[in-house]
Amino acid sequence: MKFKPMDLSGVRTIPLSDRKNKVTVSDFAKVPAIESQPLTVDDFINLLPNILKGRDFKELVSYIAEAAKNGRIIAVGIGGHVIKCGLALELRR
């Protein structure tokens, strides 16, 4: 099958420096510093990206921490895979 060449005469380019972007480099995930001690949960969460599900996860963690701090009940719905992989005990921590 033969294709006709595309007409690119109407295509224009915009320099990256002039483009409006939804994401900035500061939103990206961070690389952990190489240290002899393992990361804390707080360290790990702070390394996550501040966009999309990374931001959503940080918000969820914040809500859960606030609920725990105020003595509120935290209910978690889980499926069979969490239990069969032995992760149910991790939810108790």
PDB file of N, CA and C in Angstrom:
ATOM      1  N   MET A   1       0.838  -1.169   0.000  1.00  0.00           N
ATOM      2  CA  MET A   1       0.000   0.000   0.000  1.00  0.00           C
ATOM      3  C   MET A   1       0.892   1.245   0.000  1.00  0.00           C
ATOM      4  N   LYS A   2       0.566   2.214  -0.833  1.00  0.00           N
ATOM      5  CA  LYS A   2       1.354   3.437  -0.889  1.00  0.00           C
ATOM      6  C   LYS A   2       0.619   4.554  -0.170  1.00  0.00           C
ATOM      7  N   PHE A   3       1.386   5.390   0.483  1.00  0.00           N
ATOM      8  CA  PHE A   3       0.827   6.516   1.214  1.00  0.00           C
ATOM      9  C   PHE A   3       1.292   7.817   0.598  1.00  0.00           C
ATOM     10  N   LYS A   4       0.429   8.821   0.649  1.00  0.00           N
ATOM     11  CA  LYS A   4       0.821  10.144   0.188  1.00  0.00           C
ATOM     12  C   LYS A   4       1.631  10.809   1.295  1.00  0.00           C
ATOM     13  N   PRO A   5       2.657  11.570   0.928  1.00  0.00           N
ATOM     14  CA  PRO A   5       3.420  12.291   1.959  1.00  0.00           C
ATOM     15  C   PRO A   5       2.522  13.291   2.685  1.00  0.00           C
ATOM     16  N   MET A   6       2.770  13.465   3.971  1.00  0.00           N
ATOM     17  CA  MET A   6       1.999  14.428   4.765  1.00  0.00           C
ATOM     18  C   MET A   6       2.374  15.842   4.370  1.00  0.00           C
ATOM     19  N   ASP A   7       1.400  16.720   4.412  1.00  0.00           N
ATOM     20  CA  ASP A   7       1.655  18.135   4.163  1.00  0.00           C
ATOM     21  C   ASP A   7       2.004  18.789   5.494  1.00  0.00           C
ATOM     22  N   LEU A   8       3.245  19.130   5.691  1.00  0.00           N
ATOM     23  CA  LEU A   8       3.707  19.736   6.936  1.00  0.00           C
ATOM     24  C   LEU A   8       3.837  21.250   6.845  1.00  0.00           C
ATOM     25  N   SER A   9       3.306  21.836   5.806  1.00  0.00           N
ATOM     26  CA  SER A   9       3.471  23.279   5.611  1.00  0.00           C
ATOM     27  C   SER A   9       2.767  24.095   6.699  1.00  0.00           C
ATOM     28  N   GLY A  10       1.730  23.554   7.318  1.00  0.00           N
ATOM     29  CA  GLY A  10       1.008  24.287   8.361  1.00  0.00           C
ATOM     30  C   GLY A  10       1.519  24.020   9.766  1.00  0.00           C
ATOM     31  N   VAL A  11       2.520  23.172   9.889  1.00  0.00           N
ATOM     32  CA  VAL A  11       3.058  22.837  11.208  1.00  0.00           C
ATOM     33  C   VAL A  11       3.985  23.944  11.680  1.00  0.00           C
ATOM     34  N   ARG A  12       3.819  24.336  12.929  1.00  0.00           N
ATOM     35  CA  ARG A  12       4.733  25.333  13.493  1.00  0.00           C
ATOM     36  C   ARG A  12       5.302  24.786  14.788  1.00  0.00           C
ATOM     37  N   THR A  13       6.456  25.227  15.139  1.00  0.00           N
ATOM     38  CA  THR A  13       7.102  24.780  16.361  1.00  0.00           C
ATOM     39  C   THR A  13       7.105  25.909  17.386  1.00  0.00           C
ATOM     40  N   ILE A  14       7.120  25.515  18.647  1.00  0.00           N
ATOM     41  CA  ILE A  14       7.168  26.473  19.750  1.00  0.00           C
ATOM     42  C   ILE A  14       8.335  26.056  20.638  1.00  0.00           C
ATOM     43  N   PRO A  15       9.238  26.967  20.948  1.00  0.00           N
ATOM     44  CA  PRO A  15      10.345  26.616  21.839  1.00  0.00           C
ATOM     45  C   PRO A  15       9.827  26.136  23.201  1.00  0.00           C
ATOM     46  N   LEU A  16      10.501  25.162  23.776  1.00  0.00           N
ATOM     47  CA  LEU A  16      10.097  24.645  25.084  1.00  0.00           C
ATOM     48  C   LEU A  16      10.004  25.751  26.124  1.00  0.00           C
ATOM     49  N   SER A  17      10.898  26.724  26.051  1.00  0.00           N
ATOM     50  CA  SER A  17      10.900  27.803  27.037  1.00  0.00           C
ATOM     51  C   SER A  17       9.646  28.674  26.949  1.00  0.00           C
ATOM     52  N   ASP A  18       8.957  28.649  25.810  1.00  0.00           N
ATOM     53  CA  ASP A  18       7.749  29.453  25.622  1.00  0.00           C
ATOM     54  C   ASP A  18       6.456  28.677  25.895  1.00  0.00           C
ATOM     55  N   ARG A  19       6.571  27.371  26.050  1.00  0.00           N
ATOM     56  CA  ARG A  19       5.380  26.536  26.243  1.00  0.00           C
ATOM     57  C   ARG A  19       4.869  26.626  27.667  1.00  0.00           C
ATOM     58  N   LYS A  20       3.553  26.571  27.822  1.00  0.00           N
ATOM     59  CA  LYS A  20       2.948  26.447  29.143  1.00  0.00           C
ATOM     60  C   LYS A  20       2.836  24.955  29.431  1.00  0.00           C
ATOM     61  N   ASN A  21       3.313  24.542  30.584  1.00  0.00           N
ATOM     62  CA  ASN A  21       3.319  23.128  30.942  1.00  0.00           C
ATOM     63  C   ASN A  21       2.493  22.888  32.190  1.00  0.00           C
ATOM     64  N   LYS A  22       1.890  21.713  32.256  1.00  0.00           N
ATOM     65  CA  LYS A  22       1.119  21.329  33.433  1.00  0.00           C
ATOM     66  C   LYS A  22       2.027  20.782  34.532  1.00  0.00           C
ATOM     67  N   VAL A  23       3.232  20.377  34.170  1.00  0.00           N
ATOM     68  CA  VAL A  23       4.157  19.735  35.107  1.00  0.00           C
ATOM     69  C   VAL A  23       5.485  20.468  35.081  1.00  0.00           C
ATOM     70  N   THR A  24       6.082  20.615  36.250  1.00  0.00           N
ATOM     71  CA  THR A  24       7.421  21.188  36.328  1.00  0.00           C
ATOM     72  C   THR A  24       8.370  20.142  36.910  1.00  0.00           C
ATOM     73  N   VAL A  25       9.635  20.376  36.761  1.00  0.00           N
ATOM     74  CA  VAL A  25      10.635  19.432  37.264  1.00  0.00           C
ATOM     75  C   VAL A  25      10.486  19.243  38.771  1.00  0.00           C
ATOM     76  N   SER A  26      10.074  20.287  39.481  1.00  0.00           N
ATOM     77  CA  SER A  26       9.920  20.167  40.943  1.00  0.00           C
ATOM     78  C   SER A  26       8.804  19.191  41.313  1.00  0.00           C
ATOM     79  N   ASP A  27       7.913  18.855  40.374  1.00  0.00           N
ATOM     80  CA  ASP A  27       6.836  17.893  40.624  1.00  0.00           C
ATOM     81  C   ASP A  27       7.303  16.443  40.497  1.00  0.00           C
ATOM     82  N   PHE A  28       8.438  16.217  39.864  1.00  0.00           N
ATOM     83  CA  PHE A  28       8.917  14.858  39.610  1.00  0.00           C
ATOM     84  C   PHE A  28       9.284  14.148  40.908  1.00  0.00           C
ATOM     85  N   ALA A  29       9.331  12.821  40.836  1.00  0.00           N
ATOM     86  CA  ALA A  29       9.811  12.027  41.967  1.00  0.00           C
ATOM     87  C   ALA A  29      11.271  12.374  42.232  1.00  0.00           C
ATOM     88  N   LYS A  30      11.673  12.262  43.470  1.00  0.00           N
ATOM     89  CA  LYS A  30      13.049  12.564  43.871  1.00  0.00           C
ATOM     90  C   LYS A  30      13.842  11.264  43.994  1.00  0.00           C
ATOM     91  N   VAL A  31      15.109  11.357  43.815  1.00  0.00           N
ATOM     92  CA  VAL A  31      16.004  10.217  43.988  1.00  0.00           C
ATOM     93  C   VAL A  31      16.517  10.255  45.425  1.00  0.00           C
ATOM     94  N   PRO A  32      16.410   9.144  46.156  1.00  0.00           N
ATOM     95  CA  PRO A  32      16.880   9.162  47.547  1.00  0.00           C
ATOM     96  C   PRO A  32      18.392   9.320  47.631  1.00  0.00           C
ATOM     97  N   ALA A  33      18.818   9.992  48.684  1.00  0.00           N
ATOM     98  CA  ALA A  33      20.255  10.122  48.931  1.00  0.00           C
ATOM     99  C   ALA A  33      20.803   8.754  49.320  1.00  0.00           C
ATOM    100  N   ILE A  34      22.021   8.501  48.930  1.00  0.00           N
ATOM    101  CA  ILE A  34      22.647   7.226  49.288  1.00  0.00           C
ATOM    102  C   ILE A  34      23.153   7.345  50.720  1.00  0.00           C
ATOM    103  N   GLU A  35      22.514   6.581  51.594  1.00  0.00           N
ATOM    104  CA  GLU A  35      22.872   6.611  53.013  1.00  0.00           C
ATOM    105  C   GLU A  35      22.968   5.192  53.525  1.00  0.00           C
ATOM    106  N   SER A  36      23.561   5.042  54.671  1.00  0.00           N
ATOM    107  CA  SER A  36      23.711   3.711  55.241  1.00  0.00           C
ATOM    108  C   SER A  36      22.426   3.237  55.912  1.00  0.00           C
ATOM    109  N   GLN A  37      21.544   4.154  56.285  1.00  0.00           N
ATOM    110  CA  GLN A  37      20.313   3.746  56.957  1.00  0.00           C
ATOM    111  C   GLN A  37      19.148   3.710  55.969  1.00  0.00           C
ATOM    112  N   PRO A  38      18.176   2.830  56.203  1.00  0.00           N
ATOM    113  CA  PRO A  38      17.035   2.744  55.281  1.00  0.00           C
ATOM    114  C   PRO A  38      16.138   3.979  55.384  1.00  0.00           C
ATOM    115  N   LEU A  39      15.338   4.188  54.370  1.00  0.00           N
ATOM    116  CA  LEU A  39      14.403   5.313  54.356  1.00  0.00           C
ATOM    117  C   LEU A  39      13.288   5.096  55.364  1.00  0.00           C
ATOM    118  N   THR A  40      12.833   6.176  55.973  1.00  0.00           N
ATOM    119  CA  THR A  40      11.630   6.112  56.799  1.00  0.00           C
ATOM    120  C   THR A  40      10.428   6.216  55.868  1.00  0.00           C
ATOM    121  N   VAL A  41       9.245   5.945  56.385  1.00  0.00           N
ATOM    122  CA  VAL A  41       8.031   6.088  55.580  1.00  0.00           C
ATOM    123  C   VAL A  41       7.875   7.539  55.148  1.00  0.00           C
ATOM    124  N   ASP A  42       8.145   8.487  56.053  1.00  0.00           N
ATOM    125  CA  ASP A  42       8.068   9.905  55.702  1.00  0.00           C
ATOM    126  C   ASP A  42       9.035  10.247  54.572  1.00  0.00           C
ATOM    127  N   ASP A  43      10.256   9.718  54.666  1.00  0.00           N
ATOM    128  CA  ASP A  43      11.238   9.954  53.595  1.00  0.00           C
ATOM    129  C   ASP A  43      10.705   9.443  52.251  1.00  0.00           C
ATOM    130  N   PHE A  44      10.169   8.230  52.280  1.00  0.00           N
ATOM    131  CA  PHE A  44       9.647   7.617  51.058  1.00  0.00           C
ATOM    132  C   PHE A  44       8.527   8.462  50.461  1.00  0.00           C
ATOM    133  N   ILE A  45       7.578   8.875  51.291  1.00  0.00           N
ATOM    134  CA  ILE A  45       6.440   9.664  50.809  1.00  0.00           C
ATOM    135  C   ILE A  45       6.916  10.992  50.226  1.00  0.00           C
ATOM    136  N   ASN A  46       7.907  11.610  50.848  1.00  0.00           N
ATOM    137  CA  ASN A  46       8.429  12.884  50.353  1.00  0.00           C
ATOM    138  C   ASN A  46       9.170  12.742  49.022  1.00  0.00           C
ATOM    139  N   LEU A  47       9.594  11.525  48.684  1.00  0.00           N
ATOM    140  CA  LEU A  47      10.273  11.279  47.413  1.00  0.00           C
ATOM    141  C   LEU A  47       9.296  11.066  46.259  1.00  0.00           C
ATOM    142  N   LEU A  48       8.038  10.792  46.558  1.00  0.00           N
ATOM    143  CA  LEU A  48       7.054  10.518  45.517  1.00  0.00           C
ATOM    144  C   LEU A  48       6.791  11.765  44.679  1.00  0.00           C
ATOM    145  N   PRO A  49       6.383  11.575  43.437  1.00  0.00           N
ATOM    146  CA  PRO A  49       6.084  12.732  42.590  1.00  0.00           C
ATOM    147  C   PRO A  49       4.883  13.502  43.127  1.00  0.00           C
ATOM    148  N   ASN A  50       4.853  14.782  42.843  1.00  0.00           N
ATOM    149  CA  ASN A  50       3.749  15.618  43.313  1.00  0.00           C
ATOM    150  C   ASN A  50       2.722  15.832  42.200  1.00  0.00           C
ATOM    151  N   ILE A  51       2.530  14.794  41.380  1.00  0.00           N
ATOM    152  CA  ILE A  51       1.562  14.837  40.289  1.00  0.00           C
ATOM    153  C   ILE A  51       0.806  13.520  40.248  1.00  0.00           C
ATOM    154  N   LEU A  52      -0.341  13.545  39.632  1.00  0.00           N
ATOM    155  CA  LEU A  52      -1.164  12.363  39.393  1.00  0.00           C
ATOM    156  C   LEU A  52      -1.339  11.521  40.660  1.00  0.00           C
ATOM    157  N   LYS A  53      -1.121  10.232  40.590  1.00  0.00           N
ATOM    158  CA  LYS A  53      -1.384   9.345  41.737  1.00  0.00           C
ATOM    159  C   LYS A  53      -0.399   9.554  42.877  1.00  0.00           C
ATOM    160  N   GLY A  54       0.800  10.068  42.578  1.00  0.00           N
ATOM    161  CA  GLY A  54       1.738  10.398  43.657  1.00  0.00           C
ATOM    162  C   GLY A  54       1.145  11.452  44.573  1.00  0.00           C
ATOM    163  N   ARG A  55       0.558  12.478  43.979  1.00  0.00           N
ATOM    164  CA  ARG A  55      -0.096  13.540  44.765  1.00  0.00           C
ATOM    165  C   ARG A  55      -1.310  12.982  45.497  1.00  0.00           C
ATOM    166  N   ASP A  56      -2.099  12.144  44.806  1.00  0.00           N
ATOM    167  CA  ASP A  56      -3.282  11.546  45.430  1.00  0.00           C
ATOM    168  C   ASP A  56      -2.894  10.694  46.631  1.00  0.00           C
ATOM    169  N   PHE A  57      -1.806   9.927  46.502  1.00  0.00           N
ATOM    170  CA  PHE A  57      -1.362   9.063  47.596  1.00  0.00           C
ATOM    171  C   PHE A  57      -0.918   9.903  48.794  1.00  0.00           C
ATOM    172  N   LYS A  58      -0.192  10.977  48.535  1.00  0.00           N
ATOM    173  CA  LYS A  58       0.237  11.870  49.627  1.00  0.00           C
ATOM    174  C   LYS A  58      -0.970  12.449  50.351  1.00  0.00           C
ATOM    175  N   GLU A  59      -1.995  12.820  49.581  1.00  0.00           N
ATOM    176  CA  GLU A  59      -3.212  13.362  50.184  1.00  0.00           C
ATOM    177  C   GLU A  59      -3.916  12.306  51.028  1.00  0.00           C
ATOM    178  N   LEU A  60      -3.998  11.075  50.522  1.00  0.00           N
ATOM    179  CA  LEU A  60      -4.605   9.983  51.273  1.00  0.00           C
ATOM    180  C   LEU A  60      -3.866   9.740  52.584  1.00  0.00           C
ATOM    181  N   VAL A  61      -2.538   9.692  52.517  1.00  0.00           N
ATOM    182  CA  VAL A  61      -1.731   9.480  53.721  1.00  0.00           C
ATOM    183  C   VAL A  61      -1.979  10.598  54.733  1.00  0.00           C
ATOM    184  N   SER A  62      -2.094  11.823  54.241  1.00  0.00           N
ATOM    185  CA  SER A  62      -2.368  12.963  55.107  1.00  0.00           C
ATOM    186  C   SER A  62      -3.712  12.810  55.816  1.00  0.00           C
ATOM    187  N   TYR A  63      -4.739  12.397  55.068  1.00  0.00           N
ATOM    188  CA  TYR A  63      -6.060  12.194  55.667  1.00  0.00           C
ATOM    189  C   TYR A  63      -6.034  11.087  56.719  1.00  0.00           C
ATOM    190  N   ILE A  64      -5.353   9.996  56.408  1.00  0.00           N
ATOM    191  CA  ILE A  64      -5.270   8.880  57.351  1.00  0.00           C
ATOM    192  C   ILE A  64      -4.521   9.310  58.614  1.00  0.00           C
ATOM    193  N   ALA A  65      -3.415  10.022  58.447  1.00  0.00           N
ATOM    194  CA  ALA A  65      -2.633  10.488  59.606  1.00  0.00           C
ATOM    195  C   ALA A  65      -3.468  11.429  60.471  1.00  0.00           C
ATOM    196  N   GLU A  66      -4.208  12.316  59.846  1.00  0.00           N
ATOM    197  CA  GLU A  66      -5.061  13.259  60.587  1.00  0.00           C
ATOM    198  C   GLU A  66      -6.153  12.507  61.347  1.00  0.00           C
ATOM    199  N   ALA A  67      -6.755  11.514  60.714  1.00  0.00           N
ATOM    200  CA  ALA A  67      -7.787  10.715  61.375  1.00  0.00           C
ATOM    201  C   ALA A  67      -7.209   9.977  62.579  1.00  0.00           C
ATOM    202  N   ALA A  68      -6.041   9.374  62.407  1.00  0.00           N
ATOM    203  CA  ALA A  68      -5.401   8.649  63.514  1.00  0.00           C
ATOM    204  C   ALA A  68      -5.059   9.596  64.658  1.00  0.00           C
ATOM    205  N   LYS A  69      -4.551  10.760  64.313  1.00  0.00           N
ATOM    206  CA  LYS A  69      -4.187  11.773  65.320  1.00  0.00           C
ATOM    207  C   LYS A  69      -5.403  12.198  66.142  1.00  0.00           C
ATOM    208  N   ASN A  70      -6.572  12.237  65.507  1.00  0.00           N
ATOM    209  CA  ASN A  70      -7.796  12.661  66.181  1.00  0.00           C
ATOM    210  C   ASN A  70      -8.614  11.498  66.739  1.00  0.00           C
ATOM    211  N   GLY A  71      -8.016  10.301  66.760  1.00  0.00           N
ATOM    212  CA  GLY A  71      -8.679   9.138  67.338  1.00  0.00           C
ATOM    213  C   GLY A  71      -9.879   8.647  66.538  1.00  0.00           C
ATOM    214  N   ARG A  72      -9.916   8.942  65.262  1.00  0.00           N
ATOM    215  CA  ARG A  72     -11.033   8.530  64.412  1.00  0.00           C
ATOM    216  C   ARG A  72     -10.810   7.102  63.913  1.00  0.00           C
ATOM    217  N   ILE A  73     -11.870   6.453  63.545  1.00  0.00           N
ATOM    218  CA  ILE A  73     -11.791   5.096  62.994  1.00  0.00           C
ATOM    219  C   ILE A  73     -11.307   5.184  61.550  1.00  0.00           C
ATOM    220  N   ILE A  74     -10.386   4.287  61.197  1.00  0.00           N
ATOM    221  CA  ILE A  74      -9.883   4.203  59.828  1.00  0.00           C
ATOM    222  C   ILE A  74     -10.266   2.825  59.303  1.00  0.00           C
ATOM    223  N   ALA A  75     -11.171   2.794  58.335  1.00  0.00           N
ATOM    224  CA  ALA A  75     -11.627   1.528  57.758  1.00  0.00           C
ATOM    225  C   ALA A  75     -10.984   1.343  56.392  1.00  0.00           C
ATOM    226  N   VAL A  76     -10.513   0.115  56.132  1.00  0.00           N
ATOM    227  CA  VAL A  76      -9.865  -0.182  54.862  1.00  0.00           C
ATOM    228  C   VAL A  76     -10.551  -1.393  54.246  1.00  0.00           C
ATOM    229  N   GLY A  77     -10.970  -1.255  53.004  1.00  0.00           N
ATOM    230  CA  GLY A  77     -11.515  -2.386  52.269  1.00  0.00           C
ATOM    231  C   GLY A  77     -10.403  -3.034  51.466  1.00  0.00           C
ATOM    232  N   ILE A  78     -10.277  -4.337  51.585  1.00  0.00           N
ATOM    233  CA  ILE A  78      -9.204  -5.031  50.866  1.00  0.00           C
ATOM    234  C   ILE A  78      -9.768  -6.241  50.126  1.00  0.00           C
ATOM    235  N   GLY A  79      -9.047  -6.663  49.130  1.00  0.00           N
ATOM    236  CA  GLY A  79      -9.430  -7.849  48.377  1.00  0.00           C
ATOM    237  C   GLY A  79      -8.570  -9.033  48.767  1.00  0.00           C
ATOM    238  N   GLY A  80      -8.855 -10.148  48.170  1.00  0.00           N
ATOM    239  CA  GLY A  80      -8.170 -11.393  48.504  1.00  0.00           C
ATOM    240  C   GLY A  80      -6.675 -11.375  48.237  1.00  0.00           C
ATOM    241  N   HIS A  81      -6.211 -10.606  47.235  1.00  0.00           N
ATOM    242  CA  HIS A  81      -4.784 -10.595  46.917  1.00  0.00           C
ATOM    243  C   HIS A  81      -3.959 -10.005  48.055  1.00  0.00           C
ATOM    244  N   VAL A  82      -4.492  -9.008  48.731  1.00  0.00           N
ATOM    245  CA  VAL A  82      -3.766  -8.411  49.862  1.00  0.00           C
ATOM    246  C   VAL A  82      -3.574  -9.458  50.950  1.00  0.00           C
ATOM    247  N   ILE A  83      -4.616 -10.227  51.219  1.00  0.00           N
ATOM    248  CA  ILE A  83      -4.554 -11.246  52.274  1.00  0.00           C
ATOM    249  C   ILE A  83      -3.643 -12.398  51.857  1.00  0.00           C
ATOM    250  N   LYS A  84      -3.820 -12.903  50.622  1.00  0.00           N
ATOM    251  CA  LYS A  84      -3.029 -14.074  50.203  1.00  0.00           C
ATOM    252  C   LYS A  84      -1.542 -13.760  50.084  1.00  0.00           C
ATOM    253  N   CYS A  85      -1.196 -12.481  49.913  1.00  0.00           N
ATOM    254  CA  CYS A  85       0.215 -12.100  49.843  1.00  0.00           C
ATOM    255  C   CYS A  85       0.786 -11.767  51.215  1.00  0.00           C
ATOM    256  N   GLY A  86      -0.021 -11.917  52.250  1.00  0.00           N
ATOM    257  CA  GLY A  86       0.459 -11.710  53.600  1.00  0.00           C
ATOM    258  C   GLY A  86       0.567 -10.245  54.001  1.00  0.00           C
ATOM    259  N   LEU A  87      -0.122  -9.365  53.310  1.00  0.00           N
ATOM    260  CA  LEU A  87      -0.007  -7.942  53.604  1.00  0.00           C
ATOM    261  C   LEU A  87      -1.058  -7.436  54.591  1.00  0.00           C
ATOM    262  N   ALA A  88      -2.015  -8.264  54.950  1.00  0.00           N
ATOM    263  CA  ALA A  88      -3.075  -7.834  55.863  1.00  0.00           C
ATOM    264  C   ALA A  88      -2.473  -7.365  57.201  1.00  0.00           C
ATOM    265  N   LEU A  89      -1.432  -8.035  57.655  1.00  0.00           N
ATOM    266  CA  LEU A  89      -0.810  -7.638  58.928  1.00  0.00           C
ATOM    267  C   LEU A  89      -0.172  -6.257  58.838  1.00  0.00           C
ATOM    268  N   GLU A  90       0.281  -5.877  57.658  1.00  0.00           N
ATOM    269  CA  GLU A  90       0.884  -4.555  57.488  1.00  0.00           C
ATOM    270  C   GLU A  90      -0.131  -3.441  57.702  1.00  0.00           C
ATOM    271  N   LEU A  91      -1.398  -3.732  57.418  1.00  0.00           N
ATOM    272  CA  LEU A  91      -2.439  -2.717  57.612  1.00  0.00           C
ATOM    273  C   LEU A  91      -2.691  -2.439  59.092  1.00  0.00           C
ATOM    274  N   ARG A  92      -2.302  -3.325  59.962  1.00  0.00           N
ATOM    275  CA  ARG A  92      -2.499  -3.129  61.408  1.00  0.00           C
ATOM    276  C   ARG A  92      -1.488  -2.177  62.000  1.00  0.00           C
ATOM    277  N   ARG A  93      -0.382  -1.972  61.327  1.00  0.00           N
ATOM    278  CA  ARG A  93       0.691  -1.153  61.894  1.00  0.00           C
ATOM    279  C   ARG A  93       0.352   0.301  61.925  1.00  0.00           C
TER     280      ARG A  93
END
